[in-house]
Amino acid sequence: MILRAYTYMLMACFLWSLNPVANKIALVDIAVPQLVFMRAVFAALILLSVALYAGHSFRPKQIGWRPFVLGVIDPGLTSLIFVTSLTVLSASNTVLIMALMPFSQSILGRLLLKEDFQSSVWIGGILAVFGLAIFFIGEDFNGAESLWGNVLLLTVFCLMAVSQLLTRKIMISDIPTILVTSSQMVSASAFLLVYLLIFGDLNLPLQASSGTMMTMVFLVFSMAIPFFLYNQAMRHIPVGMASLLLVLIIPFGFIFAANFLGEEITLLKSSGAVLVMVGVALPQFLQLRIKSYRV
């Protein structure tokens, strides 16, 4: 079961790493409010259909309020702010928000969930932060826009820190994963609909090419499927270790940004990504060494 949980987490990382690139492509033809709302509502319809087909009944009273609150935070607020940041930042820049997760989640997991604090996770988190610092040394900043974009990313990071802890707390309960994920998408859709009605331009025509529409289809499934895989994995993986695995989105995202968007990945940026990778691998290596000594 634990091996399957790690496999689910890796699959979620791979799909999430494609999101910044796909969002950048879709933003050429679709405005931010319309884009995030369409993703959430179609993802909700897909997951609800799967839940009903599997024999589950969608009863909010039985599910409880926590999954719906979680959906407003993530993917509601996080997707809205993240996609907005993509209008002023490169795709390779935005994927680096995950690099801060190990540092925060190990501490929060210990303080709030009373999880064991592994020194190897702490070391990996510090290495990931150094990788982030190296990346920003080689990043080109374009005045106020870049500053605003990175403030948005910092906001996404704070929201994700809260949502990950809430997810862990929910997923150690008996609520089926498909119902938790469906509830997330339903509340996210409601939140993003309100945002669209208040702040969106409803008269803005949707003139999307066939390529953009295909990208939109991917974005819908890349919202529905990874959240389900992630929620399922969080039943068995501690918050700190899950955060370390999530930083794999960075090297994956770099590759996709370079191949699909033609973004330049310099040696300095690559060095930062490699350091983050070391931060992910080192805790696993140290734990294996410790287990081998005990045997």
Protein backbone atom coordinates (compact mmCIF):
# COMPACT_ATOMS: atom_id res chain seq x y z
CA MET A 1 0.00 0.00 0.00
CA ILE A 2 2.81 2.43 0.84
CA LEU A 3 4.45 1.79 -2.54
CA ARG A 4 1.16 2.55 -4.27
CA ALA A 5 0.84 5.78 -2.26
CA TYR A 6 4.26 6.96 -3.44
CA THR A 7 3.37 6.00 -7.01
CA TYR A 8 0.19 8.09 -6.78
CA MET A 9 2.20 11.03 -5.46
CA LEU A 10 4.73 10.81 -8.30
CA MET A 11 1.94 10.66 -10.90
CA ALA A 12 0.31 13.72 -9.35
CA CYS A 13 3.66 15.57 -9.46
CA PHE A 14 4.11 14.74 -13.14
CA LEU A 15 0.65 16.01 -14.09
CA TRP A 16 0.91 19.12 -11.90
CA SER A 17 4.29 19.97 -13.45
CA LEU A 18 2.58 20.36 -16.82
CA ASN A 19 0.03 22.82 -15.45
CA PRO A 20 2.11 26.04 -15.67
CA VAL A 21 2.97 25.36 -19.32
CA ALA A 22 -0.61 24.44 -20.24
CA ASN A 23 -1.97 27.48 -18.39
CA LYS A 24 0.46 29.81 -20.21
CA ILE A 25 -0.76 28.43 -23.54
CA ALA A 26 -4.45 28.74 -22.58
CA LEU A 27 -4.01 32.31 -21.29
CA VAL A 28 -3.27 33.47 -24.83
CA ASP A 29 -6.98 33.11 -25.68
CA ILE A 30 -8.80 32.77 -22.35
CA ALA A 31 -8.96 35.33 -19.51
CA VAL A 32 -7.96 34.27 -16.00
CA PRO A 33 -11.46 34.28 -14.39
CA GLN A 34 -12.98 32.22 -17.23
CA LEU A 35 -10.03 29.83 -17.34
CA VAL A 36 -9.94 28.93 -13.65
CA PHE A 37 -13.75 28.64 -13.45
CA MET A 38 -14.04 26.35 -16.47
CA ARG A 39 -11.29 24.10 -15.14
CA ALA A 40 -12.93 23.75 -11.75
CA VAL A 41 -16.51 23.21 -12.94
CA PHE A 42 -15.60 20.57 -15.54
CA ALA A 43 -13.31 18.82 -13.04
CA ALA A 44 -16.21 18.80 -10.55
CA LEU A 45 -18.56 17.27 -13.12
CA ILE A 46 -16.03 14.55 -13.98
CA LEU A 47 -15.38 13.62 -10.36
CA LEU A 48 -19.05 13.68 -9.39
CA SER A 49 -19.85 11.41 -12.32
CA VAL A 50 -17.13 8.96 -11.26
CA ALA A 51 -18.33 9.05 -7.64
CA LEU A 52 -21.94 8.35 -8.59
CA TYR A 53 -20.89 5.60 -11.02
CA ALA A 54 -18.87 3.97 -8.25
CA GLY A 55 -22.00 3.84 -6.09
CA HIS A 56 -21.27 6.72 -3.74
CA SER A 57 -23.98 9.18 -2.74
CA PHE A 58 -22.97 12.84 -2.60
CA ARG A 59 -24.41 14.05 0.69
CA PRO A 60 -22.68 17.20 1.99
CA LYS A 61 -24.07 16.66 5.50
CA GLN A 62 -22.34 13.29 5.77
CA ILE A 63 -19.14 14.48 4.10
CA GLY A 64 -18.78 17.38 6.52
CA TRP A 65 -17.64 20.95 6.06
CA ARG A 66 -13.88 20.44 5.96
CA PRO A 67 -13.55 19.18 2.33
CA PHE A 68 -15.65 22.13 1.13
CA VAL A 69 -13.51 24.63 3.03
CA LEU A 70 -10.44 22.89 1.63
CA GLY A 71 -11.82 23.30 -1.91
CA VAL A 72 -12.24 27.06 -1.48
CA ILE A 73 -8.61 27.30 -0.38
CA ASP A 74 -7.19 24.70 -2.77
CA PRO A 75 -7.85 24.58 -5.70
CA GLY A 76 -10.12 27.65 -5.44
CA LEU A 77 -7.89 30.46 -4.22
CA THR A 78 -4.62 28.75 -5.10
CA SER A 79 -5.52 28.16 -8.76
CA LEU A 80 -6.86 31.70 -9.16
CA ILE A 81 -3.77 33.35 -7.69
CA PHE A 82 -1.37 30.92 -9.36
CA VAL A 83 -2.81 31.46 -12.85
CA THR A 84 -2.82 35.22 -12.26
CA SER A 85 0.89 35.07 -11.41
CA LEU A 86 1.50 33.30 -14.74
CA THR A 87 0.42 36.45 -16.57
CA VAL A 88 3.61 38.21 -15.37
CA LEU A 89 6.04 35.35 -14.61
CA SER A 90 7.63 32.54 -16.57
CA ALA A 91 6.41 28.97 -16.16
CA SER A 92 9.80 27.86 -14.80
CA ASN A 93 9.58 30.57 -12.14
CA THR A 94 6.14 29.56 -10.91
CA VAL A 95 6.93 25.88 -10.40
CA LEU A 96 9.54 26.84 -7.81
CA ILE A 97 6.89 27.67 -5.24
CA MET A 98 7.00 23.99 -4.31
CA ALA A 99 10.64 24.33 -3.24
CA LEU A 100 9.59 26.02 -0.01
CA MET A 101 7.15 23.29 1.00
CA PRO A 102 9.57 20.88 2.76
CA PHE A 103 10.88 23.60 5.05
CA SER A 104 7.44 24.68 6.26
CA GLN A 105 5.52 21.43 6.23
CA SER A 106 7.92 19.44 8.40
CA ILE A 107 7.59 22.07 11.13
CA LEU A 108 3.83 22.50 10.77
CA GLY A 109 3.27 18.75 10.60
CA ARG A 110 5.14 18.36 13.87
CA LEU A 111 3.44 21.29 15.65
CA LEU A 112 -0.15 20.75 14.49
CA LEU A 113 -0.39 17.04 13.63
CA LYS A 114 2.18 15.73 16.14
CA GLU A 115 3.98 13.81 13.38
CA ASP A 116 7.47 12.49 13.98
CA PHE A 117 10.12 15.03 13.06
CA GLN A 118 12.74 13.35 10.88
CA SER A 119 16.09 15.09 10.70
CA SER A 120 16.56 13.79 7.16
CA VAL A 121 13.43 15.65 6.04
CA TRP A 122 14.78 18.81 7.67
CA ILE A 123 18.08 18.47 5.78
CA GLY A 124 16.23 17.92 2.51
CA GLY A 125 14.09 20.99 3.11
CA ILE A 126 17.14 23.18 3.73
CA LEU A 127 18.76 21.95 0.50
CA ALA A 128 15.57 22.75 -1.39
CA VAL A 129 15.59 26.31 -0.04
CA PHE A 130 19.22 26.73 -1.15
CA GLY A 131 18.21 25.50 -4.59
CA LEU A 132 15.51 28.14 -4.71
CA ALA A 133 18.01 30.85 -3.74
CA ILE A 134 20.41 29.77 -6.51
CA PHE A 135 17.62 29.93 -9.05
CA PHE A 136 16.66 33.49 -8.14
CA ILE A 137 20.28 34.63 -8.47
CA GLY A 138 20.04 33.84 -12.17
CA GLU A 139 16.47 35.07 -12.65
CA ASP A 140 15.75 38.27 -14.59
CA PHE A 141 13.44 40.63 -12.70
CA ASN A 142 11.29 43.08 -14.62
CA GLY A 143 10.47 45.69 -12.02
CA ALA A 144 7.07 45.90 -10.35
CA GLU A 145 5.49 43.12 -12.42
CA SER A 146 8.01 40.52 -11.29
CA LEU A 147 7.70 41.72 -7.70
CA TRP A 148 3.92 41.48 -7.87
CA GLY A 149 4.09 38.02 -9.44
CA ASN A 150 6.40 36.68 -6.75
CA VAL A 151 4.18 38.16 -4.01
CA LEU A 152 1.31 36.20 -5.54
CA LEU A 153 3.44 33.05 -5.51
CA LEU A 154 4.28 33.61 -1.84
CA THR A 155 0.54 33.88 -1.17
CA VAL A 156 -0.01 30.59 -3.01
CA PHE A 157 2.68 29.00 -0.85
CA CYS A 158 0.98 30.14 2.37
CA LEU A 159 -2.40 28.85 1.19
CA MET A 160 -0.89 25.52 0.14
CA ALA A 161 0.76 25.14 3.55
CA VAL A 162 -2.66 25.46 5.18
CA SER A 163 -4.42 23.22 2.64
CA GLN A 164 -1.85 20.44 2.89
CA LEU A 165 -2.27 20.16 6.64
CA LEU A 166 -6.06 20.21 6.27
CA THR A 167 -5.84 17.54 3.58
CA ARG A 168 -3.78 15.30 5.83
CA LYS A 169 -6.31 15.71 8.65
CA ILE A 170 -9.24 14.91 6.36
CA MET A 171 -7.58 11.93 4.67
CA ILE A 172 -6.91 10.10 7.94
CA SER A 173 -10.71 9.96 8.35
CA ASP A 174 -13.09 7.44 6.78
CA ILE A 175 -14.47 9.74 4.07
CA PRO A 176 -13.90 8.14 0.63
CA THR A 177 -11.20 9.92 -1.38
CA ILE A 178 -13.45 10.45 -4.40
CA LEU A 179 -16.03 12.26 -2.26
CA VAL A 180 -13.40 14.48 -0.66
CA THR A 181 -11.98 15.44 -4.06
CA SER A 182 -15.45 15.97 -5.55
CA SER A 183 -16.36 18.23 -2.63
CA GLN A 184 -13.20 20.23 -3.20
CA MET A 185 -14.06 20.84 -6.84
CA VAL A 186 -17.69 21.72 -6.09
CA SER A 187 -16.79 24.38 -3.54
CA ALA A 188 -13.94 25.64 -5.72
CA SER A 189 -16.38 25.97 -8.65
CA ALA A 190 -18.83 27.93 -6.50
CA PHE A 191 -16.10 30.26 -5.26
CA LEU A 192 -14.67 30.84 -8.75
CA LEU A 193 -18.15 31.44 -10.18
CA VAL A 194 -18.69 34.22 -7.64
CA TYR A 195 -15.29 35.68 -8.58
CA LEU A 196 -16.16 35.47 -12.28
CA LEU A 197 -19.51 37.23 -11.80
CA ILE A 198 -17.99 40.02 -9.70
CA PHE A 199 -14.58 40.59 -11.29
CA GLY A 200 -14.70 38.84 -14.66
CA ASP A 201 -15.65 40.43 -17.97
CA LEU A 202 -18.68 38.38 -19.02
CA ASN A 203 -18.82 40.16 -22.38
CA LEU A 204 -15.31 39.01 -23.27
CA PRO A 205 -15.61 36.65 -26.28
CA LEU A 206 -14.03 33.21 -26.11
CA GLN A 207 -11.97 32.90 -29.29
CA ALA A 208 -9.87 29.86 -28.62
CA SER A 209 -8.02 27.87 -31.25
CA SER A 210 -8.31 24.09 -31.46
CA GLY A 211 -4.89 23.82 -29.81
CA THR A 212 -6.06 25.97 -26.90
CA MET A 213 -9.20 23.90 -26.49
CA MET A 214 -7.14 20.70 -26.38
CA THR A 215 -4.96 22.36 -23.74
CA MET A 216 -8.12 23.23 -21.83
CA VAL A 217 -9.21 19.58 -21.89
CA PHE A 218 -5.84 18.61 -20.42
CA LEU A 219 -6.12 21.31 -17.74
CA VAL A 220 -9.50 19.95 -16.65
CA PHE A 221 -8.18 16.42 -16.24
CA SER A 222 -4.92 17.66 -14.70
CA MET A 223 -7.01 19.32 -12.00
CA ALA A 224 -9.33 16.37 -11.34
CA ILE A 225 -6.90 13.43 -11.49
CA PRO A 226 -3.86 14.76 -9.52
CA PHE A 227 -6.01 15.96 -6.62
CA PHE A 228 -7.58 12.51 -6.36
CA LEU A 229 -4.14 10.81 -6.50
CA TYR A 230 -2.70 13.28 -4.00
CA ASN A 231 -5.59 12.87 -1.55
CA GLN A 232 -5.32 9.08 -1.76
CA ALA A 233 -1.56 9.20 -1.16
CA MET A 234 -1.98 11.48 1.85
CA ARG A 235 -3.76 8.65 3.68
CA HIS A 236 -0.39 6.89 4.01
CA ILE A 237 2.39 9.50 3.59
CA PRO A 238 3.35 12.00 6.35
CA VAL A 239 3.09 15.69 5.49
CA GLY A 240 6.85 16.31 5.61
CA MET A 241 7.73 13.49 3.22
CA ALA A 242 4.84 14.37 0.89
CA SER A 243 6.21 17.91 0.64
CA LEU A 244 9.63 16.60 -0.36
CA LEU A 245 8.08 14.56 -3.15
CA LEU A 246 6.10 17.56 -4.36
CA VAL A 247 9.30 19.43 -5.21
CA LEU A 248 9.79 16.97 -8.08
CA ILE A 249 7.39 19.28 -9.90
CA ILE A 250 10.33 21.66 -10.31
CA PRO A 251 12.64 19.61 -12.57
CA PHE A 252 9.66 18.22 -14.47
CA GLY A 253 8.32 21.74 -14.92
CA PHE A 254 11.70 23.00 -16.15
CA ILE A 255 11.79 20.35 -18.85
CA PHE A 256 8.26 21.12 -20.04
CA ALA A 257 8.82 24.90 -19.97
CA ALA A 258 11.95 24.55 -22.11
CA ASN A 259 10.39 22.13 -24.60
CA PHE A 260 6.92 23.62 -25.02
CA LEU A 261 7.46 27.35 -24.34
CA GLY A 262 11.09 27.74 -25.36
CA GLU A 263 12.04 29.24 -21.99
CA GLU A 264 15.78 29.47 -21.38
CA ILE A 265 16.97 27.25 -18.55
CA THR A 266 20.44 28.53 -17.68
CA LEU A 267 23.19 26.60 -15.91
CA LEU A 268 22.53 28.56 -12.72
CA LYS A 269 18.82 27.74 -12.81
CA SER A 270 19.59 24.11 -13.56
CA SER A 271 21.99 24.01 -10.60
CA GLY A 272 19.19 25.21 -8.34
CA ALA A 273 16.87 22.51 -9.69
CA VAL A 274 19.53 19.82 -9.18
CA LEU A 275 20.03 20.95 -5.59
CA VAL A 276 16.31 20.64 -5.00
CA MET A 277 16.44 17.12 -6.45
CA VAL A 278 19.24 16.28 -4.00
CA GLY A 279 17.05 17.62 -1.22
CA VAL A 280 14.32 15.19 -2.27
CA ALA A 281 16.60 12.15 -2.64
CA LEU A 282 18.84 12.64 0.40
CA PRO A 283 16.23 11.91 3.12
CA GLN A 284 15.23 8.69 1.37
CA PHE A 285 18.88 7.65 1.06
CA LEU A 286 19.60 8.39 4.71
CA GLN A 287 16.55 6.46 5.87
CA LEU A 288 17.57 3.45 3.79
CA ARG A 289 21.07 3.58 5.31
CA ILE A 290 19.62 3.70 8.83
CA LYS A 291 17.32 0.73 8.13
CA SER A 292 20.18 -1.30 6.66
CA TYR A 293 22.31 -0.69 9.76
CA ARG A 294 19.47 -1.82 12.03
CA VAL A 295 19.07 -5.02 10.04
